[in-house]
C-alpha cells in the first residue's frame, strides 16, 4: 500500500513537470525603437498592445505573414550571467525580423524583454507557446 502511494505521488509530480514544458524552445533578444513601420500593419500606432508587449519574429515563425497578430506566452529559461526573471509574458507579433540573418528566434520589444530578463543586452533561451 505504501509503495502504491509513493508511485502515485511520483507520477503526479512527473505529470505536472511534463505538463509545464509544452512549448517550443528558441532564443530571444531585445530590439529598440523605432518600431514603425512594421510588416504587419505599417505605421498604425494601434497595432501595439498595452504595455508595449510585442515581438518581431524570425522567418521560422513568420509563416509568410500569417504570424501577424499571433499571441505567444514566453518565459526565460537561461542565458549568460543568470538574466532570467520568474514568470511569463504574453506578447503579440507585429513584425518580421528586420535583420538578416535574424539574431534570434524572437525579438522582444524592450518592455517585453525587461519583463523576463534583467539584462537588456543578453541573448536568452526561451520557451514559448502560442495562446
N, C-alpha and C. Protein backbone atom coordinates (compact mmCIF):
# COMPACT_ATOMS: atom_id res chain seq x y z
N UNK A 1 0.82 -1.19 0.00
CA UNK A 1 0.00 0.00 0.00
C UNK A 1 0.87 1.26 0.00
N UNK A 2 1.95 1.26 0.78
CA UNK A 2 2.85 2.41 0.84
C UNK A 2 3.53 2.61 -0.51
N UNK A 3 3.97 1.52 -1.15
CA UNK A 3 4.64 1.66 -2.45
C UNK A 3 3.66 2.18 -3.50
N UNK A 4 2.41 1.79 -3.40
CA UNK A 4 1.39 2.29 -4.33
C UNK A 4 1.19 3.79 -4.14
N UNK A 5 1.17 4.25 -2.91
CA UNK A 5 1.01 5.67 -2.61
C UNK A 5 2.20 6.46 -3.13
N UNK A 6 3.40 5.94 -2.91
CA UNK A 6 4.61 6.61 -3.40
C UNK A 6 4.60 6.68 -4.92
N UNK A 7 4.19 5.60 -5.58
CA UNK A 7 4.12 5.58 -7.03
C UNK A 7 3.15 6.64 -7.55
N UNK A 8 2.00 6.75 -6.93
CA UNK A 8 1.01 7.75 -7.34
C UNK A 8 1.56 9.16 -7.16
N UNK A 9 2.24 9.41 -6.06
CA UNK A 9 2.81 10.73 -5.80
C UNK A 9 3.88 11.06 -6.84
N UNK A 10 4.77 10.11 -7.11
CA UNK A 10 5.83 10.33 -8.09
C UNK A 10 5.24 10.60 -9.48
N UNK A 11 4.27 9.81 -9.88
CA UNK A 11 3.64 10.01 -11.19
C UNK A 11 2.94 11.36 -11.27
N UNK A 12 2.32 11.77 -10.19
CA UNK A 12 1.66 13.08 -10.16
C UNK A 12 2.67 14.20 -10.34
N UNK A 13 3.79 14.09 -9.65
CA UNK A 13 4.83 15.11 -9.76
C UNK A 13 5.43 15.14 -11.16
N UNK A 14 5.69 13.98 -11.73
CA UNK A 14 6.22 13.91 -13.09
C UNK A 14 5.23 14.47 -14.09
N UNK A 15 3.97 14.16 -13.91
CA UNK A 15 2.93 14.66 -14.80
C UNK A 15 2.84 16.17 -14.78
N UNK A 16 2.97 16.76 -13.61
CA UNK A 16 2.91 18.22 -13.53
C UNK A 16 4.13 18.85 -14.17
N UNK A 17 5.30 18.23 -14.06
CA UNK A 17 6.50 18.76 -14.70
C UNK A 17 6.42 18.65 -16.21
N UNK A 18 5.96 17.53 -16.70
CA UNK A 18 5.84 17.33 -18.15
C UNK A 18 4.83 18.30 -18.72
N UNK A 19 3.74 18.51 -18.01
CA UNK A 19 2.71 19.42 -18.48
C UNK A 19 3.16 20.86 -18.56
N UNK A 20 4.17 21.23 -17.82
CA UNK A 20 4.60 22.62 -17.83
C UNK A 20 5.64 22.92 -18.91
N UNK A 21 6.02 21.93 -19.68
CA UNK A 21 7.00 22.13 -20.75
C UNK A 21 6.40 21.67 -22.07
N UNK A 22 5.39 22.39 -22.52
CA UNK A 22 4.72 22.02 -23.75
C UNK A 22 5.08 22.93 -24.92
N UNK A 23 5.81 23.99 -24.65
CA UNK A 23 6.11 24.96 -25.68
C UNK A 23 7.33 24.59 -26.50
N UNK A 24 7.62 25.46 -27.45
CA UNK A 24 8.82 25.34 -28.26
C UNK A 24 9.97 26.06 -27.57
N UNK A 25 11.17 25.71 -27.94
CA UNK A 25 12.36 26.32 -27.37
C UNK A 25 13.05 27.14 -28.45
N UNK A 26 13.49 28.33 -28.08
CA UNK A 26 14.19 29.20 -29.03
C UNK A 26 15.05 30.20 -28.29
N UNK A 27 15.47 31.21 -29.02
CA UNK A 27 16.27 32.28 -28.41
C UNK A 27 15.53 33.61 -28.56
N UNK A 28 15.88 34.54 -27.69
CA UNK A 28 15.26 35.86 -27.75
C UNK A 28 16.30 36.93 -27.47
N UNK A 29 16.14 38.06 -28.14
CA UNK A 29 16.93 39.25 -27.90
C UNK A 29 15.97 40.43 -27.84
N UNK A 30 16.50 41.56 -27.42
CA UNK A 30 15.70 42.78 -27.34
C UNK A 30 15.96 43.63 -28.57
N UNK A 31 14.93 44.35 -29.01
CA UNK A 31 15.18 45.35 -30.05
C UNK A 31 14.55 46.67 -29.65
N UNK A 32 15.18 47.73 -30.09
CA UNK A 32 14.84 49.09 -29.67
C UNK A 32 14.07 49.83 -30.76
N UNK A 33 13.39 50.93 -30.38
CA UNK A 33 12.71 51.76 -31.37
C UNK A 33 13.72 52.31 -32.37
N UNK A 34 13.27 52.73 -33.55
CA UNK A 34 11.87 52.90 -33.92
C UNK A 34 11.23 51.56 -34.28
N UNK A 35 9.99 51.39 -33.87
CA UNK A 35 9.26 50.16 -34.14
C UNK A 35 8.39 50.26 -35.40
N UNK A 36 8.18 51.47 -35.88
CA UNK A 36 7.36 51.68 -37.07
C UNK A 36 8.25 52.00 -38.26
N UNK A 37 7.87 51.62 -39.47
CA UNK A 37 6.69 50.81 -39.80
C UNK A 37 6.96 49.33 -39.55
N UNK A 38 5.89 48.55 -39.45
CA UNK A 38 6.01 47.10 -39.28
C UNK A 38 5.50 46.41 -40.54
N UNK A 39 5.86 45.15 -40.69
CA UNK A 39 5.38 44.36 -41.83
C UNK A 39 3.90 44.01 -41.67
N UNK A 40 3.40 44.01 -40.44
CA UNK A 40 2.01 43.61 -40.21
C UNK A 40 1.02 44.74 -40.49
N UNK A 41 1.25 45.90 -39.91
CA UNK A 41 0.27 46.99 -40.01
C UNK A 41 0.90 48.34 -40.30
N UNK A 42 2.02 48.34 -40.96
CA UNK A 42 2.63 49.59 -41.40
C UNK A 42 2.89 50.57 -40.28
N UNK A 43 2.32 51.78 -40.42
CA UNK A 43 2.55 52.86 -39.47
C UNK A 43 1.43 53.02 -38.44
N UNK A 44 0.54 52.06 -38.34
CA UNK A 44 -0.58 52.17 -37.39
C UNK A 44 -0.09 52.01 -35.95
N UNK A 45 -0.29 53.03 -35.15
CA UNK A 45 0.10 53.01 -33.74
C UNK A 45 -0.74 52.03 -32.93
N UNK A 46 -1.99 51.81 -33.36
CA UNK A 46 -2.91 50.96 -32.58
C UNK A 46 -2.59 49.47 -32.67
N UNK A 47 -1.59 49.10 -33.43
CA UNK A 47 -1.22 47.68 -33.54
C UNK A 47 -0.48 47.18 -32.30
N UNK A 48 0.06 48.11 -31.51
CA UNK A 48 0.85 47.73 -30.34
C UNK A 48 -0.06 47.49 -29.14
N UNK A 49 0.09 46.35 -28.49
CA UNK A 49 -0.76 46.03 -27.33
C UNK A 49 -0.38 46.87 -26.11
N UNK A 50 -1.27 46.90 -25.12
CA UNK A 50 -0.97 47.64 -23.89
C UNK A 50 0.35 47.18 -23.28
N UNK A 51 1.09 48.13 -22.75
CA UNK A 51 2.37 47.82 -22.13
C UNK A 51 3.49 47.60 -23.12
N UNK A 52 3.21 47.79 -24.41
CA UNK A 52 4.21 47.56 -25.46
C UNK A 52 4.81 46.17 -25.39
N UNK A 53 3.97 45.18 -25.14
CA UNK A 53 4.43 43.79 -25.05
C UNK A 53 4.24 43.12 -26.42
N UNK A 54 5.19 43.36 -27.31
CA UNK A 54 5.10 42.84 -28.66
C UNK A 54 6.45 42.30 -29.11
N UNK A 55 6.41 41.56 -30.23
CA UNK A 55 7.62 40.93 -30.75
C UNK A 55 7.69 41.03 -32.26
N UNK A 56 8.90 40.87 -32.74
CA UNK A 56 9.21 40.66 -34.13
C UNK A 56 9.73 39.23 -34.21
N UNK A 57 9.36 38.50 -35.25
CA UNK A 57 9.75 37.08 -35.30
C UNK A 57 10.64 36.79 -36.50
N UNK A 58 11.39 35.71 -36.38
CA UNK A 58 12.27 35.27 -37.47
C UNK A 58 11.43 34.57 -38.54
N UNK A 59 12.07 34.28 -39.66
CA UNK A 59 11.39 33.60 -40.78
C UNK A 59 10.70 32.31 -40.35
N UNK A 60 11.32 31.58 -39.43
CA UNK A 60 10.76 30.30 -39.00
C UNK A 60 9.38 30.42 -38.38
N UNK A 61 9.07 31.54 -37.74
CA UNK A 61 7.76 31.77 -37.15
C UNK A 61 6.87 32.67 -38.00
N UNK A 62 7.44 33.38 -38.94
CA UNK A 62 6.73 34.38 -39.72
C UNK A 62 5.59 33.79 -40.54
N UNK A 63 5.79 32.62 -41.12
CA UNK A 63 4.73 31.91 -41.84
C UNK A 63 4.11 32.77 -42.94
N UNK A 64 4.96 33.39 -43.76
CA UNK A 64 4.52 34.25 -44.86
C UNK A 64 3.53 35.33 -44.43
N UNK A 65 3.70 35.85 -43.23
CA UNK A 65 2.84 36.92 -42.73
C UNK A 65 1.66 36.45 -41.90
N UNK A 66 1.40 35.14 -41.89
CA UNK A 66 0.28 34.63 -41.09
C UNK A 66 0.52 34.80 -39.60
N UNK A 67 1.75 35.07 -39.21
CA UNK A 67 2.07 35.26 -37.79
C UNK A 67 1.55 36.59 -37.24
N UNK A 68 1.22 37.54 -38.11
CA UNK A 68 0.74 38.85 -37.65
C UNK A 68 -0.44 38.69 -36.69
N UNK A 69 -0.31 39.28 -35.53
CA UNK A 69 -1.38 39.23 -34.54
C UNK A 69 -1.35 38.02 -33.64
N UNK A 70 -0.55 37.01 -33.98
CA UNK A 70 -0.48 35.84 -33.10
C UNK A 70 0.03 36.25 -31.74
N UNK A 71 -0.45 35.53 -30.74
CA UNK A 71 -0.01 35.81 -29.38
C UNK A 71 0.77 34.62 -28.85
N UNK A 72 1.82 34.92 -28.13
CA UNK A 72 2.65 33.89 -27.52
C UNK A 72 2.85 34.19 -26.04
N UNK A 73 2.93 33.14 -25.28
CA UNK A 73 3.33 33.25 -23.87
C UNK A 73 4.75 32.71 -23.81
N UNK A 74 5.66 33.49 -23.27
CA UNK A 74 7.04 33.00 -23.21
C UNK A 74 7.65 33.25 -21.84
N UNK A 75 8.67 32.44 -21.58
CA UNK A 75 9.41 32.60 -20.33
C UNK A 75 10.89 32.37 -20.63
N UNK A 76 11.70 33.04 -19.85
CA UNK A 76 13.15 32.91 -19.96
C UNK A 76 13.58 31.61 -19.29
N UNK A 77 14.41 30.85 -19.98
CA UNK A 77 14.94 29.60 -19.43
C UNK A 77 16.37 29.76 -18.91
N UNK A 78 17.21 30.45 -19.68
CA UNK A 78 18.62 30.58 -19.29
C UNK A 78 19.30 31.63 -20.16
N UNK A 79 20.52 31.95 -19.76
CA UNK A 79 21.34 32.90 -20.50
C UNK A 79 22.60 33.17 -19.71
N UNK A 80 23.52 33.90 -20.30
CA UNK A 80 24.76 34.25 -19.61
C UNK A 80 24.48 35.15 -18.41
N UNK A 81 25.17 34.91 -17.31
CA UNK A 81 25.07 35.70 -16.09
C UNK A 81 23.68 35.69 -15.46
N UNK A 82 22.95 34.60 -15.63
CA UNK A 82 21.65 34.39 -14.99
C UNK A 82 20.69 35.58 -15.15
N UNK A 83 20.28 35.88 -16.39
CA UNK A 83 19.44 37.05 -16.62
C UNK A 83 17.95 36.85 -16.36
N UNK A 84 17.52 35.60 -16.18
CA UNK A 84 16.09 35.31 -16.15
C UNK A 84 15.37 35.82 -14.91
N UNK A 85 14.18 36.37 -15.18
CA UNK A 85 13.26 36.72 -14.11
C UNK A 85 12.20 35.62 -14.06
N UNK A 86 11.56 35.47 -12.91
CA UNK A 86 10.48 34.49 -12.79
C UNK A 86 9.26 34.97 -13.57
N UNK A 87 8.44 34.01 -13.98
CA UNK A 87 7.18 34.35 -14.61
C UNK A 87 7.24 34.32 -16.12
N UNK A 88 6.10 34.67 -16.71
CA UNK A 88 5.94 34.67 -18.15
C UNK A 88 5.48 36.04 -18.61
N UNK A 89 5.52 36.24 -19.92
CA UNK A 89 4.99 37.46 -20.52
C UNK A 89 4.20 37.04 -21.76
N UNK A 90 3.05 37.67 -21.96
CA UNK A 90 2.23 37.44 -23.15
C UNK A 90 2.51 38.56 -24.14
N UNK A 91 2.83 38.17 -25.38
CA UNK A 91 3.23 39.14 -26.39
C UNK A 91 2.45 38.91 -27.68
N UNK A 92 2.44 39.93 -28.54
CA UNK A 92 1.76 39.85 -29.84
C UNK A 92 2.78 40.11 -30.95
N UNK A 93 2.69 39.33 -32.03
CA UNK A 93 3.57 39.50 -33.18
C UNK A 93 3.11 40.72 -33.99
N UNK A 94 4.04 41.65 -34.24
CA UNK A 94 3.73 42.83 -35.05
C UNK A 94 4.67 43.00 -36.25
N UNK A 95 5.73 42.18 -36.32
CA UNK A 95 6.71 42.44 -37.38
C UNK A 95 7.55 41.20 -37.68
N UNK A 96 8.18 41.24 -38.83
CA UNK A 96 9.19 40.27 -39.23
C UNK A 96 10.55 40.86 -38.85
N UNK A 97 11.42 40.03 -38.38
CA UNK A 97 12.77 40.48 -38.02
C UNK A 97 13.39 41.25 -39.18
N UNK A 98 13.91 42.43 -38.91
CA UNK A 98 14.45 43.31 -39.95
C UNK A 98 15.89 43.00 -40.31
N UNK A 99 16.57 42.24 -39.46
CA UNK A 99 17.97 41.93 -39.71
C UNK A 99 18.10 40.59 -40.43
N UNK A 100 19.12 40.47 -41.26
CA UNK A 100 19.36 39.22 -41.94
C UNK A 100 20.85 38.88 -41.81
N UNK A 101 21.18 37.79 -41.16
CA UNK A 101 20.26 36.85 -40.52
C UNK A 101 19.71 37.42 -39.21
N UNK A 102 18.55 36.95 -38.85
CA UNK A 102 17.92 37.39 -37.60
C UNK A 102 18.76 36.89 -36.42
N UNK A 103 19.01 37.73 -35.42
CA UNK A 103 19.87 37.31 -34.31
C UNK A 103 19.25 36.31 -33.34
N UNK A 104 17.93 36.10 -33.44
CA UNK A 104 17.27 35.16 -32.53
C UNK A 104 15.94 34.72 -33.13
N UNK A 105 15.31 33.75 -32.49
CA UNK A 105 14.01 33.26 -32.94
C UNK A 105 12.96 34.35 -32.80
N UNK A 106 13.00 35.06 -31.66
CA UNK A 106 12.04 36.10 -31.34
C UNK A 106 12.80 37.33 -30.86
N UNK A 107 12.43 38.50 -31.39
CA UNK A 107 12.97 39.77 -30.91
C UNK A 107 11.87 40.46 -30.12
N UNK A 108 12.13 40.70 -28.85
CA UNK A 108 11.13 41.31 -27.99
C UNK A 108 11.33 42.82 -27.91
N UNK A 109 10.21 43.55 -27.86
CA UNK A 109 10.31 44.98 -27.59
C UNK A 109 11.07 45.14 -26.28
N UNK A 110 11.66 46.30 -26.08
CA UNK A 110 12.44 46.49 -24.85
C UNK A 110 11.59 46.29 -23.61
N UNK A 111 10.30 46.68 -23.64
CA UNK A 111 9.42 46.47 -22.48
C UNK A 111 9.14 44.99 -22.25
N UNK A 112 8.89 44.25 -23.33
CA UNK A 112 8.63 42.81 -23.19
C UNK A 112 9.87 42.09 -22.69
N UNK A 113 11.03 42.48 -23.21
CA UNK A 113 12.27 41.82 -22.81
C UNK A 113 12.56 42.07 -21.33
N UNK A 114 12.33 43.28 -20.87
CA UNK A 114 12.61 43.59 -19.46
C UNK A 114 11.64 42.87 -18.52
N UNK A 115 10.52 42.37 -19.05
CA UNK A 115 9.59 41.61 -18.22
C UNK A 115 10.13 40.22 -17.88
N UNK A 116 11.04 39.69 -18.72
CA UNK A 116 11.56 38.34 -18.48
C UNK A 116 13.06 38.27 -18.22
N UNK A 117 13.77 39.36 -18.49
CA UNK A 117 15.23 39.36 -18.33
C UNK A 117 15.71 40.62 -17.62
N UNK A 118 16.65 40.44 -16.72
CA UNK A 118 17.23 41.59 -16.02
C UNK A 118 18.40 42.21 -16.77
N UNK A 119 18.80 41.60 -17.87
CA UNK A 119 19.93 42.10 -18.66
C UNK A 119 19.46 42.45 -20.07
N UNK A 120 19.33 43.74 -20.39
CA UNK A 120 18.74 44.15 -21.66
C UNK A 120 19.56 43.80 -22.90
N UNK A 121 20.82 43.45 -22.74
CA UNK A 121 21.65 43.14 -23.90
C UNK A 121 21.93 41.66 -24.07
N UNK A 122 21.33 40.83 -23.24
CA UNK A 122 21.58 39.38 -23.31
C UNK A 122 20.83 38.73 -24.45
N UNK A 123 21.36 37.61 -24.88
CA UNK A 123 20.62 36.69 -25.74
C UNK A 123 20.20 35.58 -24.80
N UNK A 124 18.90 35.34 -24.70
CA UNK A 124 18.40 34.37 -23.74
C UNK A 124 17.73 33.19 -24.44
N UNK A 125 17.67 32.09 -23.75
CA UNK A 125 16.94 30.92 -24.22
C UNK A 125 15.54 31.01 -23.63
N UNK A 126 14.54 30.80 -24.48
CA UNK A 126 13.15 30.94 -24.05
C UNK A 126 12.33 29.72 -24.43
N UNK A 127 11.26 29.55 -23.68
CA UNK A 127 10.21 28.60 -24.04
C UNK A 127 9.01 29.46 -24.42
N UNK A 128 8.36 29.11 -25.54
CA UNK A 128 7.20 29.89 -25.96
C UNK A 128 6.11 28.97 -26.49
N UNK A 129 4.87 29.42 -26.32
CA UNK A 129 3.73 28.66 -26.80
C UNK A 129 2.69 29.64 -27.32
N UNK A 130 2.07 29.29 -28.43
CA UNK A 130 1.03 30.16 -28.98
C UNK A 130 -0.20 30.06 -28.08
N UNK A 131 -0.80 31.21 -27.79
CA UNK A 131 -2.00 31.23 -26.94
C UNK A 131 -3.18 31.80 -27.69
